[in-house]
Each structure stands twice: as structure tokens, then as C-alpha cells.
Amino acid sequence: MNMQMIMQQAKKMQAQLHKDQEELEKTDYVGSSSLVNVKINGKYEVVSVKINLPEGESIGADDREMLEDMLMVAMNDAVKKVAADKEKKMGKYGQGLAGLM
């Protein structure tokens, strides 16, 4: 393989990497836990939090700790989805770089 060909492949890979990173950052991921849904984007920023109580019900003081736990579980679920998607899409670049060396 000559150096010019390697450089072309590297530029192509870099352009695709940038495109994939932008796509991931624009993607929304929803984590859920019982009555809670949390939406975050690929930058790990919380976009929305929804508490899905049955019609006419409310949260009492006693339920506050349980709701906090559900929010934490839902947020962690969403973060895991972002991380898994990033690994799936970006992991291929680590393998591709090994082939150039």
C-alpha cells in the first residue's frame, strides 16, 4: 500500500467518523422505569422527563423516594443505550485504524 492511498483512506474514515458522531449526538434515547420515561440525546443531555401516573393519581410525600429511585433507574437506562449505540457505531473505527498500522 502506498502512502497516498493510506492518506486517502484515513481522510475518508475521518469524514465518516465525523458524520457518525454528529448522527449520534442528534439521536434521542429513552430510558424507562415503571412510571418514568427519561429522554436524553447523544451528548448525554437530558431532553425530557415524563412521569406517567394513572389518571387522577398524585405523588404523596411517602412516594417521593420511590419516584427519585425510578428517575435514577430511567436515566441510567437511557445513558446505557447511548453508550451501547456509540460503541456499536464508533467501535468499527478502532478496528479500521488497526488495519492501517
PDB file of N, CA and C in Angstrom:
ATOM      1  N   MET A   1       0.845  -1.184   0.000  1.00  0.00           N
ATOM      2  CA  MET A   1       0.000   0.000   0.000  1.00  0.00           C
ATOM      3  C   MET A   1       0.886   1.241   0.000  1.00  0.00           C
ATOM      4  N   ASN A   2       0.609   2.182  -0.900  1.00  0.00           N
ATOM      5  CA  ASN A   2       1.430   3.377  -0.896  1.00  0.00           C
ATOM      6  C   ASN A   2       0.853   4.425   0.063  1.00  0.00           C
ATOM      7  N   MET A   3       1.673   5.407   0.386  1.00  0.00           N
ATOM      8  CA  MET A   3       1.309   6.415   1.391  1.00  0.00           C
ATOM      9  C   MET A   3       0.108   7.248   0.944  1.00  0.00           C
ATOM     10  N   GLN A   4      -0.001   7.563  -0.322  1.00  0.00           N
ATOM     11  CA  GLN A   4      -1.114   8.365  -0.810  1.00  0.00           C
ATOM     12  C   GLN A   4      -2.444   7.614  -0.618  1.00  0.00           C
ATOM     13  N   MET A   5      -2.441   6.344  -0.879  1.00  0.00           N
ATOM     14  CA  MET A   5      -3.641   5.530  -0.710  1.00  0.00           C
ATOM     15  C   MET A   5      -4.038   5.458   0.770  1.00  0.00           C
ATOM     16  N   ILE A   6      -3.044   5.324   1.633  1.00  0.00           N
ATOM     17  CA  ILE A   6      -3.305   5.284   3.076  1.00  0.00           C
ATOM     18  C   ILE A   6      -3.905   6.615   3.534  1.00  0.00           C
ATOM     19  N   MET A   7      -3.376   7.706   3.055  1.00  0.00           N
ATOM     20  CA  MET A   7      -3.892   9.033   3.430  1.00  0.00           C
ATOM     21  C   MET A   7      -5.330   9.226   2.933  1.00  0.00           C
ATOM     22  N   GLN A   8      -5.630   8.751   1.732  1.00  0.00           N
ATOM     23  CA  GLN A   8      -6.997   8.848   1.217  1.00  0.00           C
ATOM     24  C   GLN A   8      -7.959   8.052   2.086  1.00  0.00           C
ATOM     25  N   GLN A   9      -7.540   6.847   2.473  1.00  0.00           N
ATOM     26  CA  GLN A   9      -8.380   6.022   3.335  1.00  0.00           C
ATOM     27  C   GLN A   9      -8.589   6.682   4.693  1.00  0.00           C
ATOM     28  N   ALA A  10      -7.535   7.294   5.216  1.00  0.00           N
ATOM     29  CA  ALA A  10      -7.622   7.963   6.517  1.00  0.00           C
ATOM     30  C   ALA A  10      -8.578   9.153   6.444  1.00  0.00           C
ATOM     31  N   LYS A  11      -8.512   9.932   5.362  1.00  0.00           N
ATOM     32  CA  LYS A  11      -9.416  11.075   5.200  1.00  0.00           C
ATOM     33  C   LYS A  11     -10.864  10.617   5.061  1.00  0.00           C
ATOM     34  N   LYS A  12     -11.060   9.555   4.321  1.00  0.00           N
ATOM     35  CA  LYS A  12     -12.405   9.011   4.143  1.00  0.00           C
ATOM     36  C   LYS A  12     -12.948   8.523   5.487  1.00  0.00           C
ATOM     37  N   MET A  13     -12.115   7.827   6.243  1.00  0.00           N
ATOM     38  CA  MET A  13     -12.533   7.320   7.548  1.00  0.00           C
ATOM     39  C   MET A  13     -12.833   8.479   8.501  1.00  0.00           C
ATOM     40  N   GLN A  14     -12.025   9.516   8.455  1.00  0.00           N
ATOM     41  CA  GLN A  14     -12.234  10.676   9.321  1.00  0.00           C
ATOM     42  C   GLN A  14     -13.557  11.366   8.990  1.00  0.00           C
ATOM     43  N   ALA A  15     -13.877  11.511   7.728  1.00  0.00           N
ATOM     44  CA  ALA A  15     -15.139  12.128   7.313  1.00  0.00           C
ATOM     45  C   ALA A  15     -16.331  11.291   7.791  1.00  0.00           C
ATOM     46  N   GLN A  16     -16.227   9.978   7.652  1.00  0.00           N
ATOM     47  CA  GLN A  16     -17.304   9.095   8.093  1.00  0.00           C
ATOM     48  C   GLN A  16     -17.437   9.126   9.619  1.00  0.00           C
ATOM     49  N   LEU A  17     -16.331   9.176  10.313  1.00  0.00           N
ATOM     50  CA  LEU A  17     -16.335   9.265  11.773  1.00  0.00           C
ATOM     51  C   LEU A  17     -17.055  10.531  12.230  1.00  0.00           C
ATOM     52  N   HIS A  18     -16.747  11.639  11.613  1.00  0.00           N
ATOM     53  CA  HIS A  18     -17.385  12.912  11.945  1.00  0.00           C
ATOM     54  C   HIS A  18     -18.897  12.838  11.688  1.00  0.00           C
ATOM     55  N   LYS A  19     -19.272  12.271  10.564  1.00  0.00           N
ATOM     56  CA  LYS A  19     -20.689  12.124  10.216  1.00  0.00           C
ATOM     57  C   LYS A  19     -21.411  11.253  11.254  1.00  0.00           C
ATOM     58  N   ASP A  20     -20.790  10.135  11.633  1.00  0.00           N
ATOM     59  CA  ASP A  20     -21.394   9.238  12.616  1.00  0.00           C
ATOM     60  C   ASP A  20     -21.512   9.904  13.986  1.00  0.00           C
ATOM     61  N   GLN A  21     -20.499  10.689  14.376  1.00  0.00           N
ATOM     62  CA  GLN A  21     -20.558  11.400  15.652  1.00  0.00           C
ATOM     63  C   GLN A  21     -21.718  12.390  15.664  1.00  0.00           C
ATOM     64  N   GLU A  22     -21.888  13.131  14.595  1.00  0.00           N
ATOM     65  CA  GLU A  22     -22.995  14.091  14.513  1.00  0.00           C
ATOM     66  C   GLU A  22     -24.338  13.384  14.585  1.00  0.00           C
ATOM     67  N   GLU A  23     -24.453  12.253  13.907  1.00  0.00           N
ATOM     68  CA  GLU A  23     -25.688  11.482  13.923  1.00  0.00           C
ATOM     69  C   GLU A  23     -26.010  11.003  15.340  1.00  0.00           C
ATOM     70  N   LEU A  24     -25.015  10.507  16.034  1.00  0.00           N
ATOM     71  CA  LEU A  24     -25.217  10.039  17.405  1.00  0.00           C
ATOM     72  C   LEU A  24     -25.662  11.183  18.317  1.00  0.00           C
ATOM     73  N   GLU A  25     -25.047  12.346  18.170  1.00  0.00           N
ATOM     74  CA  GLU A  25     -25.390  13.477  19.020  1.00  0.00           C
ATOM     75  C   GLU A  25     -26.816  13.961  18.790  1.00  0.00           C
ATOM     76  N   LYS A  26     -27.340  13.771  17.596  1.00  0.00           N
ATOM     77  CA  LYS A  26     -28.700  14.210  17.277  1.00  0.00           C
ATOM     78  C   LYS A  26     -29.755  13.172  17.628  1.00  0.00           C
ATOM     79  N   THR A  27     -29.329  11.958  17.966  1.00  0.00           N
ATOM     80  CA  THR A  27     -30.259  10.874  18.272  1.00  0.00           C
ATOM     81  C   THR A  27     -30.751  10.984  19.704  1.00  0.00           C
ATOM     82  N   ASP A  28     -32.051  10.740  19.909  1.00  0.00           N
ATOM     83  CA  ASP A  28     -32.625  10.711  21.247  1.00  0.00           C
ATOM     84  C   ASP A  28     -32.760   9.270  21.714  1.00  0.00           C
ATOM     85  N   TYR A  29     -32.521   9.051  22.997  1.00  0.00           N
ATOM     86  CA  TYR A  29     -32.610   7.735  23.620  1.00  0.00           C
ATOM     87  C   TYR A  29     -33.557   7.841  24.804  1.00  0.00           C
ATOM     88  N   VAL A  30     -34.464   6.870  24.934  1.00  0.00           N
ATOM     89  CA  VAL A  30     -35.436   6.887  26.019  1.00  0.00           C
ATOM     90  C   VAL A  30     -35.135   5.754  26.983  1.00  0.00           C
ATOM     91  N   GLY A  31     -34.976   6.129  28.243  1.00  0.00           N
ATOM     92  CA  GLY A  31     -34.820   5.156  29.305  1.00  0.00           C
ATOM     93  C   GLY A  31     -36.113   5.118  30.101  1.00  0.00           C
ATOM     94  N   SER A  32     -36.467   3.964  30.629  1.00  0.00           N
ATOM     95  CA  SER A  32     -37.726   3.879  31.358  1.00  0.00           C
ATOM     96  C   SER A  32     -37.585   3.030  32.607  1.00  0.00           C
ATOM     97  N   SER A  33     -38.479   3.320  33.532  1.00  0.00           N
ATOM     98  CA  SER A  33     -38.534   2.586  34.792  1.00  0.00           C
ATOM     99  C   SER A  33     -39.944   2.761  35.351  1.00  0.00           C
ATOM    100  N   SER A  34     -40.712   1.714  35.342  1.00  0.00           N
ATOM    101  CA  SER A  34     -42.082   1.729  35.875  1.00  0.00           C
ATOM    102  C   SER A  34     -42.872   2.925  35.359  1.00  0.00           C
ATOM    103  N   LEU A  35     -42.992   3.968  36.143  1.00  0.00           N
ATOM    104  CA  LEU A  35     -43.838   5.114  35.790  1.00  0.00           C
ATOM    105  C   LEU A  35     -43.072   6.282  35.181  1.00  0.00           C
ATOM    106  N   VAL A  36     -41.786   6.101  34.916  1.00  0.00           N
ATOM    107  CA  VAL A  36     -40.944   7.212  34.493  1.00  0.00           C
ATOM    108  C   VAL A  36     -40.290   6.923  33.145  1.00  0.00           C
ATOM    109  N   ASN A  37     -40.281   7.930  32.256  1.00  0.00           N
ATOM    110  CA  ASN A  37     -39.533   7.886  30.998  1.00  0.00           C
ATOM    111  C   ASN A  37     -38.611   9.092  30.971  1.00  0.00           C
ATOM    112  N   VAL A  38     -37.359   8.862  30.616  1.00  0.00           N
ATOM    113  CA  VAL A  38     -36.375   9.929  30.505  1.00  0.00           C
ATOM    114  C   VAL A  38     -35.794   9.878  29.102  1.00  0.00           C
ATOM    115  N   LYS A  39     -35.766  11.031  28.450  1.00  0.00           N
ATOM    116  CA  LYS A  39     -35.187  11.118  27.105  1.00  0.00           C
ATOM    117  C   LYS A  39     -33.902  11.928  27.201  1.00  0.00           C
ATOM    118  N   ILE A  40     -32.801  11.358  26.660  1.00  0.00           N
ATOM    119  CA  ILE A  40     -31.540  12.083  26.583  1.00  0.00           C
ATOM    120  C   ILE A  40     -31.047  12.027  25.139  1.00  0.00           C
ATOM    121  N   ASN A  41     -30.146  12.954  24.810  1.00  0.00           N
ATOM    122  CA  ASN A  41     -29.581  12.928  23.464  1.00  0.00           C
ATOM    123  C   ASN A  41     -28.207  12.269  23.499  1.00  0.00           C
ATOM    124  N   GLY A  42     -27.593  12.165  22.362  1.00  0.00           N
ATOM    125  CA  GLY A  42     -26.296  11.507  22.247  1.00  0.00           C
ATOM    126  C   GLY A  42     -25.164  12.254  22.914  1.00  0.00           C
ATOM    127  N   LYS A  43     -25.440  13.453  23.419  1.00  0.00           N
ATOM    128  CA  LYS A  43     -24.446  14.215  24.181  1.00  0.00           C
ATOM    129  C   LYS A  43     -24.645  13.987  25.681  1.00  0.00           C
ATOM    130  N   TYR A  44     -25.514  13.035  26.027  1.00  0.00           N
ATOM    131  CA  TYR A  44     -25.833  12.700  27.411  1.00  0.00           C
ATOM    132  C   TYR A  44     -26.566  13.840  28.131  1.00  0.00           C
ATOM    133  N   GLU A  45     -27.268  14.689  27.382  1.00  0.00           N
ATOM    134  CA  GLU A  45     -28.058  15.764  27.974  1.00  0.00           C
ATOM    135  C   GLU A  45     -29.501  15.296  28.117  1.00  0.00           C
ATOM    136  N   VAL A  46     -30.093  15.546  29.292  1.00  0.00           N
ATOM    137  CA  VAL A  46     -31.492  15.177  29.497  1.00  0.00           C
ATOM    138  C   VAL A  46     -32.364  16.131  28.683  1.00  0.00           C
ATOM    139  N   VAL A  47     -33.212  15.555  27.833  1.00  0.00           N
ATOM    140  CA  VAL A  47     -34.098  16.329  26.973  1.00  0.00           C
ATOM    141  C   VAL A  47     -35.471  16.463  27.618  1.00  0.00           C
ATOM    142  N   SER A  48     -35.966  15.374  28.210  1.00  0.00           N
ATOM    143  CA  SER A  48     -37.270  15.434  28.868  1.00  0.00           C
ATOM    144  C   SER A  48     -37.392  14.337  29.918  1.00  0.00           C
ATOM    145  N   VAL A  49     -38.269  14.594  30.884  1.00  0.00           N
ATOM    146  CA  VAL A  49     -38.605  13.630  31.927  1.00  0.00           C
ATOM    147  C   VAL A  49     -40.122  13.564  31.987  1.00  0.00           C
ATOM    148  N   LYS A  50     -40.670  12.376  31.898  1.00  0.00           N
ATOM    149  CA  LYS A  50     -42.128  12.186  31.954  1.00  0.00           C
ATOM    150  C   LYS A  50     -42.460  11.243  33.101  1.00  0.00           C
ATOM    151  N   ILE A  51     -43.414  11.658  33.909  1.00  0.00           N
ATOM    152  CA  ILE A  51     -43.923  10.812  34.975  1.00  0.00           C
ATOM    153  C   ILE A  51     -45.324  10.397  34.549  1.00  0.00           C
ATOM    154  N   ASN A  52     -45.502   9.106  34.351  1.00  0.00           N
ATOM    155  CA  ASN A  52     -46.742   8.569  33.791  1.00  0.00           C
ATOM    156  C   ASN A  52     -47.643   8.002  34.890  1.00  0.00           C
ATOM    157  N   LEU A  53     -48.266   8.901  35.636  1.00  0.00           N
ATOM    158  CA  LEU A  53     -49.189   8.471  36.682  1.00  0.00           C
ATOM    159  C   LEU A  53     -50.544   8.143  36.066  1.00  0.00           C
ATOM    160  N   PRO A  54     -51.226   7.162  36.618  1.00  0.00           N
ATOM    161  CA  PRO A  54     -52.592   6.895  36.164  1.00  0.00           C
ATOM    162  C   PRO A  54     -53.468   8.128  36.390  1.00  0.00           C
ATOM    163  N   GLU A  55     -54.466   8.308  35.559  1.00  0.00           N
ATOM    164  CA  GLU A  55     -55.377   9.454  35.623  1.00  0.00           C
ATOM    165  C   GLU A  55     -55.906   9.648  37.040  1.00  0.00           C
ATOM    166  N   GLY A  56     -55.816  10.877  37.545  1.00  0.00           N
ATOM    167  CA  GLY A  56     -56.375  11.217  38.847  1.00  0.00           C
ATOM    168  C   GLY A  56     -55.487  10.907  40.036  1.00  0.00           C
ATOM    169  N   GLU A  57     -54.325  10.278  39.821  1.00  0.00           N
ATOM    170  CA  GLU A  57     -53.439   9.959  40.939  1.00  0.00           C
ATOM    171  C   GLU A  57     -52.365  11.025  41.076  1.00  0.00           C
ATOM    172  N   SER A  58     -51.865  11.175  42.300  1.00  0.00           N
ATOM    173  CA  SER A  58     -50.793  12.129  42.541  1.00  0.00           C
ATOM    174  C   SER A  58     -49.729  11.469  43.408  1.00  0.00           C
ATOM    175  N   ILE A  59     -48.601  12.138  43.503  1.00  0.00           N
ATOM    176  CA  ILE A  59     -47.489  11.630  44.309  1.00  0.00           C
ATOM    177  C   ILE A  59     -47.579  12.244  45.700  1.00  0.00           C
ATOM    178  N   GLY A  60     -47.579  11.402  46.697  1.00  0.00           N
ATOM    179  CA  GLY A  60     -47.556  11.874  48.068  1.00  0.00           C
ATOM    180  C   GLY A  60     -46.132  11.959  48.575  1.00  0.00           C
ATOM    181  N   ALA A  61     -45.969  12.542  49.741  1.00  0.00           N
ATOM    182  CA  ALA A  61     -44.640  12.699  50.328  1.00  0.00           C
ATOM    183  C   ALA A  61     -43.964  11.348  50.527  1.00  0.00           C
ATOM    184  N   ASP A  62     -44.754  10.320  50.841  1.00  0.00           N
ATOM    185  CA  ASP A  62     -44.195   8.990  51.068  1.00  0.00           C
ATOM    186  C   ASP A  62     -43.624   8.373  49.792  1.00  0.00           C
ATOM    187  N   ASP A  63     -44.139   8.790  48.667  1.00  0.00           N
ATOM    188  CA  ASP A  63     -43.713   8.211  47.391  1.00  0.00           C
ATOM    189  C   ASP A  63     -42.523   8.931  46.773  1.00  0.00           C
ATOM    190  N   ARG A  64     -42.077   9.998  47.395  1.00  0.00           N
ATOM    191  CA  ARG A  64     -41.004  10.805  46.831  1.00  0.00           C
ATOM    192  C   ARG A  64     -39.724   9.992  46.619  1.00  0.00           C
ATOM    193  N   GLU A  65     -39.301   9.232  47.592  1.00  0.00           N
ATOM    194  CA  GLU A  65     -38.072   8.449  47.473  1.00  0.00           C
ATOM    195  C   GLU A  65     -38.185   7.413  46.364  1.00  0.00           C
ATOM    196  N   MET A  66     -39.349   6.786  46.254  1.00  0.00           N
ATOM    197  CA  MET A  66     -39.550   5.798  45.197  1.00  0.00           C
ATOM    198  C   MET A  66     -39.475   6.471  43.821  1.00  0.00           C
ATOM    199  N   LEU A  67     -40.073   7.657  43.689  1.00  0.00           N
ATOM    200  CA  LEU A  67     -40.030   8.378  42.423  1.00  0.00           C
ATOM    201  C   LEU A  67     -38.594   8.773  42.083  1.00  0.00           C
ATOM    202  N   GLU A  68     -37.838   9.210  43.060  1.00  0.00           N
ATOM    203  CA  GLU A  68     -36.439   9.561  42.826  1.00  0.00           C
ATOM    204  C   GLU A  68     -35.650   8.343  42.341  1.00  0.00           C
ATOM    205  N   ASP A  69     -35.908   7.191  42.937  1.00  0.00           N
ATOM    206  CA  ASP A  69     -35.244   5.959  42.505  1.00  0.00           C
ATOM    207  C   ASP A  69     -35.624   5.601  41.070  1.00  0.00           C
ATOM    208  N   MET A  70     -36.907   5.758  40.733  1.00  0.00           N
ATOM    209  CA  MET A  70     -37.352   5.449  39.362  1.00  0.00           C
ATOM    210  C   MET A  70     -36.708   6.391  38.357  1.00  0.00           C
ATOM    211  N   LEU A  71     -36.561   7.662  38.713  1.00  0.00           N
ATOM    212  CA  LEU A  71     -35.894   8.617  37.830  1.00  0.00           C
ATOM    213  C   LEU A  71     -34.437   8.217  37.612  1.00  0.00           C
ATOM    214  N   MET A  72     -33.771   7.832  38.675  1.00  0.00           N
ATOM    215  CA  MET A  72     -32.376   7.422  38.566  1.00  0.00           C
ATOM    216  C   MET A  72     -32.240   6.187  37.664  1.00  0.00           C
ATOM    217  N   VAL A  73     -33.101   5.209  37.850  1.00  0.00           N
ATOM    218  CA  VAL A  73     -33.051   3.997  37.028  1.00  0.00           C
ATOM    219  C   VAL A  73     -33.313   4.338  35.556  1.00  0.00           C
ATOM    220  N   ALA A  74     -34.306   5.193  35.302  1.00  0.00           N
ATOM    221  CA  ALA A  74     -34.638   5.557  33.919  1.00  0.00           C
ATOM    222  C   ALA A  74     -33.491   6.320  33.259  1.00  0.00           C
ATOM    223  N   MET A  75     -32.870   7.238  33.993  1.00  0.00           N
ATOM    224  CA  MET A  75     -31.746   7.996  33.428  1.00  0.00           C
ATOM    225  C   MET A  75     -30.565   7.072  33.131  1.00  0.00           C
ATOM    226  N   ASN A  76     -30.267   6.179  34.050  1.00  0.00           N
ATOM    227  CA  ASN A  76     -29.169   5.236  33.818  1.00  0.00           C
ATOM    228  C   ASN A  76     -29.461   4.320  32.635  1.00  0.00           C
ATOM    229  N   ASP A  77     -30.720   3.932  32.470  1.00  0.00           N
ATOM    230  CA  ASP A  77     -31.123   3.107  31.334  1.00  0.00           C
ATOM    231  C   ASP A  77     -30.872   3.852  30.025  1.00  0.00           C
ATOM    232  N   ALA A  78     -31.246   5.130  29.979  1.00  0.00           N
ATOM    233  CA  ALA A  78     -31.035   5.928  28.772  1.00  0.00           C
ATOM    234  C   ALA A  78     -29.547   6.107  28.477  1.00  0.00           C
ATOM    235  N   VAL A  79     -28.743   6.349  29.508  1.00  0.00           N
ATOM    236  CA  VAL A  79     -27.296   6.520  29.332  1.00  0.00           C
ATOM    237  C   VAL A  79     -26.670   5.239  28.784  1.00  0.00           C
ATOM    238  N   LYS A  80     -27.107   4.089  29.282  1.00  0.00           N
ATOM    239  CA  LYS A  80     -26.594   2.811  28.784  1.00  0.00           C
ATOM    240  C   LYS A  80     -26.915   2.634  27.302  1.00  0.00           C
ATOM    241  N   LYS A  81     -28.090   3.111  26.882  1.00  0.00           N
ATOM    242  CA  LYS A  81     -28.463   2.994  25.467  1.00  0.00           C
ATOM    243  C   LYS A  81     -27.580   3.866  24.589  1.00  0.00           C
ATOM    244  N   VAL A  82     -27.262   5.072  25.061  1.00  0.00           N
ATOM    245  CA  VAL A  82     -26.349   5.936  24.305  1.00  0.00           C
ATOM    246  C   VAL A  82     -24.980   5.263  24.191  1.00  0.00           C
ATOM    247  N   ALA A  83     -24.468   4.772  25.311  1.00  0.00           N
ATOM    248  CA  ALA A  83     -23.141   4.143  25.317  1.00  0.00           C
ATOM    249  C   ALA A  83     -23.090   2.927  24.398  1.00  0.00           C
ATOM    250  N   ALA A  84     -24.133   2.115  24.417  1.00  0.00           N
ATOM    251  CA  ALA A  84     -24.171   0.921  23.562  1.00  0.00           C
ATOM    252  C   ALA A  84     -24.209   1.312  22.090  1.00  0.00           C
ATOM    253  N   ASP A  85     -24.998   2.330  21.758  1.00  0.00           N
ATOM    254  CA  ASP A  85     -25.090   2.768  20.366  1.00  0.00           C
ATOM    255  C   ASP A  85     -23.763   3.368  19.910  1.00  0.00           C
ATOM    256  N   LYS A  86     -23.121   4.146  20.773  1.00  0.00           N
ATOM    257  CA  LYS A  86     -21.814   4.720  20.416  1.00  0.00           C
ATOM    258  C   LYS A  86     -20.789   3.618  20.187  1.00  0.00           C
ATOM    259  N   GLU A  87     -20.777   2.627  21.064  1.00  0.00           N
ATOM    260  CA  GLU A  87     -19.830   1.521  20.908  1.00  0.00           C
ATOM    261  C   GLU A  87     -20.082   0.785  19.596  1.00  0.00           C
ATOM    262  N   LYS A  88     -21.346   0.572  19.289  1.00  0.00           N
ATOM    263  CA  LYS A  88     -21.716  -0.139  18.067  1.00  0.00           C
ATOM    264  C   LYS A  88     -21.268   0.636  16.824  1.00  0.00           C
ATOM    265  N   LYS A  89     -21.521   1.944  16.826  1.00  0.00           N
ATOM    266  CA  LYS A  89     -21.215   2.750  15.641  1.00  0.00           C
ATOM    267  C   LYS A  89     -19.765   3.200  15.572  1.00  0.00           C
ATOM    268  N   MET A  90     -19.152   3.466  16.715  1.00  0.00           N
ATOM    269  CA  MET A  90     -17.816   4.035  16.701  1.00  0.00           C
ATOM    270  C   MET A  90     -16.725   2.977  16.882  1.00  0.00           C
ATOM    271  N   GLY A  91     -17.080   1.818  17.394  1.00  0.00           N
ATOM    272  CA  GLY A  91     -16.096   0.761  17.608  1.00  0.00           C
ATOM    273  C   GLY A  91     -15.418   0.312  16.331  1.00  0.00           C
ATOM    274  N   LYS A  92     -16.122   0.419  15.225  1.00  0.00           N
ATOM    275  CA  LYS A  92     -15.552  -0.002  13.947  1.00  0.00           C
ATOM    276  C   LYS A  92     -14.346   0.837  13.550  1.00  0.00           C
ATOM    277  N   TYR A  93     -14.261   2.068  14.062  1.00  0.00           N
ATOM    278  CA  TYR A  93     -13.136   2.919  13.705  1.00  0.00           C
ATOM    279  C   TYR A  93     -11.861   2.465  14.382  1.00  0.00           C
ATOM    280  N   GLY A  94     -11.977   1.954  15.585  1.00  0.00           N
ATOM    281  CA  GLY A  94     -10.806   1.406  16.253  1.00  0.00           C
ATOM    282  C   GLY A  94     -10.256   0.205  15.509  1.00  0.00           C
ATOM    283  N   GLN A  95     -11.157  -0.624  14.994  1.00  0.00           N
ATOM    284  CA  GLN A  95     -10.724  -1.787  14.230  1.00  0.00           C
ATOM    285  C   GLN A  95     -10.105  -1.368  12.905  1.00  0.00           C
ATOM    286  N   GLY A  96     -10.684  -0.334  12.276  1.00  0.00           N
ATOM    287  CA  GLY A  96     -10.164   0.128  10.989  1.00  0.00           C
ATOM    288  C   GLY A  96      -8.780   0.740  11.109  1.00  0.00           C
ATOM    289  N   LEU A  97      -8.534   1.424  12.209  1.00  0.00           N
ATOM    290  CA  LEU A  97      -7.215   2.035  12.402  1.00  0.00           C
ATOM    291  C   LEU A  97      -6.151   0.965  12.583  1.00  0.00           C
ATOM    292  N   ALA A  98      -6.504  -0.121  13.223  1.00  0.00           N
ATOM    293  CA  ALA A  98      -5.540  -1.202  13.417  1.00  0.00           C
ATOM    294  C   ALA A  98      -5.096  -1.779  12.059  1.00  0.00           C
ATOM    295  N   GLY A  99      -5.982  -1.773  11.096  1.00  0.00           N
ATOM    296  CA  GLY A  99      -5.647  -2.288   9.767  1.00  0.00           C
ATOM    297  C   GLY A  99      -4.695  -1.389   8.994  1.00  0.00           C
ATOM    298  N   LEU A 100      -4.649  -0.106   9.378  1.00  0.00           N
ATOM    299  CA  LEU A 100      -3.760   0.833   8.690  1.00  0.00           C
ATOM    300  C   LEU A 100      -2.331   0.776   9.230  1.00  0.00           C
ATOM    301  N   MET A 101      -2.158   0.176  10.393  1.00  0.00           N
ATOM    302  CA  MET A 101      -0.839   0.174  11.024  1.00  0.00           C
ATOM    303  C   MET A 101      -0.074  -1.076  10.718  1.00  0.00           C
TER     304      MET A 101
END
